[in-house]
Amino acid sequence: MPLVYVSGRASQALTLKIALGVFLGIVAVLVLVSVPGWIEQSNKNHARIVSGTMTPEKLIARCGQPIKDNTVSLYGTISIRDMQYQASHKNIAILSFTGEHANDSHLTAFHLGADIGNNALLPEENDPQEQLIALPCMDK
């Protein structure tokens, strides 16, 4: 088999092209490996923003009237508003809003569980993504 002689400059150009191809291939693999993590972080941030900026008015606008809506005023300045929604077939979601005024309240607790009576203490769900899964209308 005859050997082909490549001049010095052509050899350097070929080496640079191969090195560039390997480098770009490594960069492409790293980007593809990182994309799912970026998407996951983006979803977490979105859920945190939706949950963190939720107010009773937004909740009613997005999810309709609650099954139960109870507001208690403490010391004349602090209001606690509990709103109950049907989350799934057998589960309920109780969202508690606290603020200095009824119109200036924010979501402070999200409880999700089975409807077992008026005085049921349901476990608190602190993960904003789980909140949106349980009550997807919050993200309209």
N, C-alpha and C. Protein backbone atom coordinates (compact mmCIF):
# COMPACT_ATOMS: atom_id res chain seq x y z
N MET A 1 0.84 -1.17 0.00
CA MET A 1 0.00 0.00 0.00
C MET A 1 0.89 1.24 0.00
N PRO A 2 0.67 2.17 -0.93
CA PRO A 2 1.55 3.33 -1.03
C PRO A 2 1.28 4.30 0.13
N LEU A 3 2.28 4.90 0.64
CA LEU A 3 2.16 5.91 1.69
C LEU A 3 1.99 7.28 1.05
N VAL A 4 1.12 8.05 1.62
CA VAL A 4 0.87 9.39 1.10
C VAL A 4 1.60 10.36 2.00
N TYR A 5 2.40 11.19 1.39
CA TYR A 5 3.14 12.17 2.17
C TYR A 5 2.31 13.45 2.26
N VAL A 6 2.15 13.95 3.51
CA VAL A 6 1.42 15.20 3.73
C VAL A 6 2.45 16.21 4.22
N SER A 7 2.41 17.39 3.60
CA SER A 7 3.37 18.42 3.97
C SER A 7 3.11 18.90 5.40
N GLY A 8 4.03 19.59 5.96
CA GLY A 8 3.96 20.07 7.34
C GLY A 8 2.75 20.94 7.62
N ARG A 9 2.45 21.85 6.71
CA ARG A 9 1.31 22.75 6.91
C ARG A 9 -0.01 22.00 6.82
N ALA A 10 -0.14 21.14 5.89
CA ALA A 10 -1.36 20.36 5.73
C ALA A 10 -1.55 19.44 6.94
N SER A 11 -0.47 18.92 7.45
CA SER A 11 -0.52 18.05 8.63
C SER A 11 -1.01 18.84 9.85
N GLN A 12 -0.50 20.05 9.99
CA GLN A 12 -0.92 20.90 11.10
C GLN A 12 -2.40 21.25 10.97
N ALA A 13 -2.85 21.58 9.79
CA ALA A 13 -4.26 21.94 9.58
C ALA A 13 -5.16 20.75 9.90
N LEU A 14 -4.74 19.57 9.48
CA LEU A 14 -5.53 18.37 9.76
C LEU A 14 -5.59 18.10 11.26
N THR A 15 -4.46 18.26 11.93
CA THR A 15 -4.41 18.07 13.38
C THR A 15 -5.32 19.07 14.09
N LEU A 16 -5.29 20.32 13.66
CA LEU A 16 -6.15 21.34 14.26
C LEU A 16 -7.63 21.04 14.03
N LYS A 17 -7.97 20.56 12.83
CA LYS A 17 -9.37 20.22 12.55
C LYS A 17 -9.83 19.06 13.43
N ILE A 18 -8.98 18.08 13.61
CA ILE A 18 -9.34 16.94 14.47
C ILE A 18 -9.49 17.40 15.92
N ALA A 19 -8.56 18.22 16.38
CA ALA A 19 -8.63 18.73 17.76
C ALA A 19 -9.90 19.57 17.96
N LEU A 20 -10.22 20.40 16.99
CA LEU A 20 -11.43 21.22 17.08
C LEU A 20 -12.67 20.35 17.10
N GLY A 21 -12.70 19.31 16.27
CA GLY A 21 -13.84 18.39 16.25
C GLY A 21 -14.01 17.68 17.58
N VAL A 22 -12.90 17.22 18.16
CA VAL A 22 -12.97 16.56 19.47
C VAL A 22 -13.46 17.54 20.53
N PHE A 23 -12.93 18.76 20.52
CA PHE A 23 -13.35 19.77 21.49
C PHE A 23 -14.84 20.08 21.37
N LEU A 24 -15.32 20.30 20.16
CA LEU A 24 -16.74 20.59 19.95
C LEU A 24 -17.62 19.40 20.35
N GLY A 25 -17.14 18.19 20.11
CA GLY A 25 -17.87 17.00 20.53
C GLY A 25 -18.00 16.92 22.03
N ILE A 26 -16.92 17.22 22.75
CA ILE A 26 -16.96 17.21 24.22
C ILE A 26 -17.91 18.28 24.74
N VAL A 27 -17.86 19.47 24.16
CA VAL A 27 -18.77 20.55 24.56
C VAL A 27 -20.22 20.15 24.32
N ALA A 28 -20.51 19.54 23.19
CA ALA A 28 -21.88 19.12 22.88
C ALA A 28 -22.38 18.09 23.88
N VAL A 29 -21.53 17.14 24.24
CA VAL A 29 -21.92 16.12 25.22
C VAL A 29 -22.18 16.77 26.57
N LEU A 30 -21.32 17.68 27.00
CA LEU A 30 -21.52 18.35 28.28
C LEU A 30 -22.83 19.16 28.31
N VAL A 31 -23.13 19.82 27.21
CA VAL A 31 -24.39 20.58 27.13
C VAL A 31 -25.58 19.64 27.22
N LEU A 32 -25.54 18.54 26.47
CA LEU A 32 -26.65 17.59 26.48
C LEU A 32 -26.84 16.96 27.85
N VAL A 33 -25.77 16.73 28.58
CA VAL A 33 -25.87 16.16 29.92
C VAL A 33 -26.43 17.19 30.90
N SER A 34 -26.15 18.46 30.69
CA SER A 34 -26.58 19.52 31.61
C SER A 34 -28.01 19.98 31.39
N VAL A 35 -28.55 19.81 30.20
CA VAL A 35 -29.88 20.34 29.87
C VAL A 35 -30.98 19.84 30.83
N PRO A 36 -31.07 18.54 31.15
CA PRO A 36 -32.12 18.12 32.08
C PRO A 36 -32.04 18.81 33.44
N GLY A 37 -30.84 19.04 33.93
CA GLY A 37 -30.68 19.76 35.20
C GLY A 37 -31.16 21.20 35.09
N TRP A 38 -30.88 21.83 33.97
CA TRP A 38 -31.33 23.20 33.76
C TRP A 38 -32.85 23.26 33.70
N ILE A 39 -33.46 22.31 33.03
CA ILE A 39 -34.92 22.27 32.93
C ILE A 39 -35.54 22.05 34.30
N GLU A 40 -34.97 21.11 35.07
CA GLU A 40 -35.47 20.84 36.42
C GLU A 40 -35.39 22.08 37.29
N GLN A 41 -34.26 22.78 37.25
CA GLN A 41 -34.09 23.99 38.05
C GLN A 41 -35.07 25.08 37.61
N SER A 42 -35.30 25.18 36.31
CA SER A 42 -36.25 26.16 35.80
C SER A 42 -37.66 25.86 36.30
N ASN A 43 -38.05 24.58 36.30
CA ASN A 43 -39.38 24.20 36.80
C ASN A 43 -39.51 24.49 38.29
N LYS A 44 -38.45 24.22 39.06
CA LYS A 44 -38.48 24.51 40.50
C LYS A 44 -38.62 26.01 40.74
N ASN A 45 -37.86 26.81 40.00
CA ASN A 45 -37.94 28.26 40.16
C ASN A 45 -39.33 28.77 39.80
N HIS A 46 -39.91 28.25 38.72
CA HIS A 46 -41.25 28.67 38.32
C HIS A 46 -42.27 28.33 39.41
N ALA A 47 -42.21 27.12 39.94
CA ALA A 47 -43.15 26.71 40.98
C ALA A 47 -42.97 27.57 42.23
N ARG A 48 -41.72 27.88 42.58
CA ARG A 48 -41.45 28.72 43.75
C ARG A 48 -42.04 30.12 43.56
N ILE A 49 -41.93 30.65 42.35
CA ILE A 49 -42.47 31.99 42.07
C ILE A 49 -44.00 31.97 42.14
N VAL A 50 -44.62 30.95 41.53
CA VAL A 50 -46.08 30.85 41.55
C VAL A 50 -46.59 30.74 42.99
N SER A 51 -45.98 29.87 43.77
CA SER A 51 -46.40 29.67 45.15
C SER A 51 -46.11 30.90 46.01
N GLY A 52 -44.95 31.51 45.79
CA GLY A 52 -44.54 32.65 46.61
C GLY A 52 -45.33 33.92 46.35
N THR A 53 -45.92 34.04 45.17
CA THR A 53 -46.67 35.26 44.85
C THR A 53 -48.19 35.02 44.89
N MET A 54 -48.60 33.84 45.35
CA MET A 54 -50.03 33.52 45.39
C MET A 54 -50.74 34.34 46.47
N THR A 55 -51.86 34.93 46.11
CA THR A 55 -52.72 35.65 47.04
C THR A 55 -54.12 35.04 46.97
N PRO A 56 -54.98 35.33 47.95
CA PRO A 56 -56.34 34.79 47.88
C PRO A 56 -57.08 35.21 46.61
N GLU A 57 -56.87 36.44 46.18
CA GLU A 57 -57.55 36.92 44.99
C GLU A 57 -57.08 36.17 43.74
N LYS A 58 -55.77 35.96 43.62
CA LYS A 58 -55.24 35.19 42.48
C LYS A 58 -55.75 33.76 42.51
N LEU A 59 -55.81 33.17 43.71
CA LEU A 59 -56.26 31.79 43.83
C LEU A 59 -57.71 31.66 43.38
N ILE A 60 -58.57 32.58 43.80
CA ILE A 60 -59.98 32.54 43.39
C ILE A 60 -60.10 32.76 41.89
N ALA A 61 -59.30 33.69 41.35
CA ALA A 61 -59.35 33.95 39.91
C ALA A 61 -58.91 32.73 39.10
N ARG A 62 -57.95 31.99 39.60
CA ARG A 62 -57.41 30.85 38.86
C ARG A 62 -58.16 29.55 39.13
N CYS A 63 -58.60 29.34 40.35
CA CYS A 63 -59.19 28.05 40.73
C CYS A 63 -60.69 28.12 41.03
N GLY A 64 -61.27 29.30 41.00
CA GLY A 64 -62.69 29.44 41.31
C GLY A 64 -62.93 29.55 42.80
N GLN A 65 -64.19 29.55 43.17
CA GLN A 65 -64.56 29.69 44.58
C GLN A 65 -64.15 28.44 45.35
N PRO A 66 -63.61 28.62 46.57
CA PRO A 66 -63.21 27.47 47.37
C PRO A 66 -64.42 26.76 47.96
N ILE A 67 -64.19 25.51 48.39
CA ILE A 67 -65.25 24.76 49.08
C ILE A 67 -65.56 25.43 50.40
N LYS A 68 -64.51 25.83 51.11
CA LYS A 68 -64.65 26.54 52.38
C LYS A 68 -63.70 27.72 52.37
N ASP A 69 -64.12 28.81 52.98
CA ASP A 69 -63.30 30.01 53.06
C ASP A 69 -63.53 30.63 54.43
N ASN A 70 -62.50 30.65 55.25
CA ASN A 70 -62.64 31.14 56.62
C ASN A 70 -61.54 32.16 56.90
N THR A 71 -61.93 33.34 57.38
CA THR A 71 -60.97 34.39 57.72
C THR A 71 -61.10 34.71 59.20
N VAL A 72 -59.96 34.75 59.87
CA VAL A 72 -59.91 35.08 61.30
C VAL A 72 -58.98 36.27 61.46
N SER A 73 -59.41 37.24 62.26
CA SER A 73 -58.59 38.41 62.52
C SER A 73 -57.99 38.29 63.91
N LEU A 74 -56.68 38.47 63.99
CA LEU A 74 -55.98 38.42 65.26
C LEU A 74 -55.49 39.81 65.63
N TYR A 75 -55.82 40.24 66.82
CA TYR A 75 -55.37 41.53 67.35
C TYR A 75 -55.79 42.70 66.47
N GLY A 76 -56.77 42.50 65.64
CA GLY A 76 -57.30 43.57 64.81
C GLY A 76 -56.43 43.94 63.61
N THR A 77 -55.21 43.43 63.53
CA THR A 77 -54.33 43.82 62.42
C THR A 77 -53.88 42.64 61.56
N ILE A 78 -53.81 41.47 62.13
CA ILE A 78 -53.33 40.31 61.38
C ILE A 78 -54.50 39.43 60.98
N SER A 79 -54.58 39.08 59.71
CA SER A 79 -55.64 38.23 59.21
C SER A 79 -55.06 36.89 58.78
N ILE A 80 -55.77 35.81 59.14
CA ILE A 80 -55.43 34.47 58.68
C ILE A 80 -56.63 33.97 57.89
N ARG A 81 -56.39 33.60 56.66
CA ARG A 81 -57.47 33.13 55.78
C ARG A 81 -57.15 31.72 55.31
N ASP A 82 -58.02 30.80 55.63
CA ASP A 82 -57.90 29.41 55.19
C ASP A 82 -58.91 29.16 54.08
N MET A 83 -58.42 28.63 52.97
CA MET A 83 -59.27 28.32 51.83
C MET A 83 -59.09 26.85 51.49
N GLN A 84 -60.21 26.15 51.29
CA GLN A 84 -60.16 24.72 51.03
C GLN A 84 -60.66 24.44 49.62
N TYR A 85 -59.87 23.64 48.89
CA TYR A 85 -60.20 23.25 47.52
C TYR A 85 -60.15 21.73 47.38
N GLN A 86 -60.94 21.22 46.45
CA GLN A 86 -60.86 19.80 46.12
C GLN A 86 -59.63 19.61 45.25
N ALA A 87 -58.65 18.84 45.76
CA ALA A 87 -57.40 18.66 45.03
C ALA A 87 -57.47 17.50 44.06
N SER A 88 -58.04 16.40 44.49
CA SER A 88 -58.20 15.23 43.64
C SER A 88 -59.45 14.51 44.12
N HIS A 89 -59.65 13.29 43.65
CA HIS A 89 -60.89 12.57 43.96
C HIS A 89 -61.18 12.53 45.47
N LYS A 90 -60.19 12.16 46.28
CA LYS A 90 -60.42 12.04 47.71
C LYS A 90 -59.61 13.03 48.54
N ASN A 91 -58.74 13.79 47.92
CA ASN A 91 -57.87 14.71 48.66
C ASN A 91 -58.39 16.13 48.62
N ILE A 92 -58.07 16.85 49.67
CA ILE A 92 -58.37 18.28 49.73
C ILE A 92 -57.07 19.04 49.92
N ALA A 93 -57.08 20.29 49.53
CA ALA A 93 -55.94 21.18 49.74
C ALA A 93 -56.45 22.35 50.57
N ILE A 94 -55.77 22.62 51.67
CA ILE A 94 -56.09 23.78 52.50
C ILE A 94 -54.92 24.75 52.38
N LEU A 95 -55.22 25.93 51.88
CA LEU A 95 -54.20 26.96 51.72
C LEU A 95 -54.43 28.03 52.76
N SER A 96 -53.40 28.35 53.53
CA SER A 96 -53.50 29.37 54.57
C SER A 96 -52.73 30.61 54.12
N PHE A 97 -53.40 31.73 54.22
CA PHE A 97 -52.80 33.02 53.87
C PHE A 97 -52.74 33.87 55.13
N THR A 98 -51.64 34.56 55.32
CA THR A 98 -51.48 35.42 56.48
C THR A 98 -50.99 36.77 56.02
N GLY A 99 -51.54 37.82 56.62
CA GLY A 99 -51.10 39.17 56.27
C GLY A 99 -51.63 40.18 57.25
N GLU A 100 -51.10 41.41 57.14
CA GLU A 100 -51.54 42.47 58.05
C GLU A 100 -52.95 42.95 57.70
N HIS A 101 -53.32 42.83 56.45
CA HIS A 101 -54.65 43.20 55.99
C HIS A 101 -55.17 42.07 55.13
N ALA A 102 -56.47 41.97 55.02
CA ALA A 102 -57.07 40.89 54.23
C ALA A 102 -56.60 40.93 52.77
N ASN A 103 -56.38 42.13 52.22
CA ASN A 103 -55.98 42.26 50.82
C ASN A 103 -54.46 42.14 50.63
N ASP A 104 -53.71 42.19 51.72
CA ASP A 104 -52.25 42.16 51.64
C ASP A 104 -51.71 40.87 52.26
N SER A 105 -52.27 39.74 51.87
CA SER A 105 -51.85 38.49 52.48
C SER A 105 -51.11 37.63 51.46
N HIS A 106 -50.30 36.72 51.97
CA HIS A 106 -49.54 35.82 51.11
C HIS A 106 -49.64 34.41 51.65
N LEU A 107 -49.36 33.45 50.77
CA LEU A 107 -49.48 32.04 51.11
C LEU A 107 -48.42 31.68 52.15
N THR A 108 -48.86 31.15 53.29
CA THR A 108 -47.92 30.77 54.35
C THR A 108 -47.93 29.27 54.62
N ALA A 109 -48.99 28.57 54.25
CA ALA A 109 -49.03 27.12 54.48
C ALA A 109 -49.92 26.46 53.43
N PHE A 110 -49.55 25.26 53.04
CA PHE A 110 -50.30 24.48 52.06
C PHE A 110 -50.41 23.07 52.63
N HIS A 111 -51.62 22.67 52.98
CA HIS A 111 -51.85 21.34 53.56
C HIS A 111 -52.61 20.50 52.54
N LEU A 112 -52.19 19.26 52.41
CA LEU A 112 -52.81 18.36 51.44
C LEU A 112 -53.05 17.02 52.10
N GLY A 113 -54.27 16.50 51.97
CA GLY A 113 -54.55 15.19 52.53
C GLY A 113 -56.00 14.80 52.31
N ALA A 114 -56.39 13.72 52.96
CA ALA A 114 -57.76 13.22 52.83
C ALA A 114 -58.70 14.09 53.65
N ASP A 115 -59.90 14.25 53.16
CA ASP A 115 -60.92 15.02 53.86
C ASP A 115 -61.48 14.15 54.98
N ILE A 116 -61.02 14.42 56.21
CA ILE A 116 -61.46 13.59 57.34
C ILE A 116 -62.20 14.39 58.39
N GLY A 117 -62.77 15.50 58.00
CA GLY A 117 -63.56 16.27 58.95
C GLY A 117 -63.14 17.72 59.00
N ASN A 118 -63.93 18.53 59.72
CA ASN A 118 -63.69 19.97 59.78
C ASN A 118 -62.40 20.33 60.52
N ASN A 119 -62.03 19.57 61.53
CA ASN A 119 -60.88 19.91 62.34
C ASN A 119 -59.67 19.04 62.00
N ALA A 120 -59.59 18.58 60.79
CA ALA A 120 -58.50 17.69 60.40
C ALA A 120 -57.19 18.48 60.31
N LEU A 121 -56.14 17.93 60.87
CA LEU A 121 -54.82 18.52 60.74
C LEU A 121 -54.08 17.73 59.68
N LEU A 122 -53.91 18.33 58.54
CA LEU A 122 -53.29 17.65 57.41
C LEU A 122 -51.80 18.00 57.37
N PRO A 123 -50.99 17.11 56.85
CA PRO A 123 -49.56 17.42 56.76
C PRO A 123 -49.31 18.58 55.81
N GLU A 124 -48.34 19.40 56.16
CA GLU A 124 -48.02 20.55 55.32
C GLU A 124 -47.12 20.12 54.17
N GLU A 125 -47.43 20.63 53.01
CA GLU A 125 -46.65 20.33 51.80
C GLU A 125 -45.83 21.57 51.48
N ASN A 126 -44.52 21.49 51.71
CA ASN A 126 -43.65 22.66 51.54
C ASN A 126 -43.02 22.75 50.16
N ASP A 127 -43.09 21.70 49.37
CA ASP A 127 -42.48 21.71 48.05
C ASP A 127 -43.42 22.39 47.05
N PRO A 128 -43.03 23.55 46.50
CA PRO A 128 -43.90 24.26 45.56
C PRO A 128 -44.29 23.43 44.34
N GLN A 129 -43.39 22.55 43.86
CA GLN A 129 -43.74 21.71 42.72
C GLN A 129 -44.86 20.75 43.09
N GLU A 130 -44.82 20.18 44.28
CA GLU A 130 -45.88 19.28 44.72
C GLU A 130 -47.19 20.04 44.90
N GLN A 131 -47.12 21.29 45.31
CA GLN A 131 -48.32 22.12 45.45
C GLN A 131 -48.99 22.29 44.09
N LEU A 132 -48.19 22.56 43.05
CA LEU A 132 -48.76 22.75 41.72
C LEU A 132 -49.29 21.45 41.14
N ILE A 133 -48.68 20.33 41.51
CA ILE A 133 -49.20 19.03 41.07
C ILE A 133 -50.54 18.75 41.73
N ALA A 134 -50.63 19.06 43.03
CA ALA A 134 -51.87 18.81 43.78
C ALA A 134 -52.99 19.74 43.34
N LEU A 135 -52.67 20.97 43.05
CA LEU A 135 -53.67 21.96 42.67
C LEU A 135 -53.19 22.69 41.42
N PRO A 136 -53.27 22.04 40.24
CA PRO A 136 -52.68 22.61 39.03
C PRO A 136 -53.32 23.92 38.58
N CYS A 137 -54.52 24.21 39.04
CA CYS A 137 -55.16 25.47 38.62
C CYS A 137 -54.39 26.69 39.14
N MET A 138 -53.54 26.51 40.14
CA MET A 138 -52.74 27.63 40.65
C MET A 138 -51.81 28.19 39.59
N ASP A 139 -51.50 27.39 38.58
CA ASP A 139 -50.53 27.77 37.56
C ASP A 139 -51.17 28.11 36.24
N LYS A 140 -52.34 28.70 36.24
CA LYS A 140 -53.01 29.08 35.00
C LYS A 140 -52.49 30.40 34.50
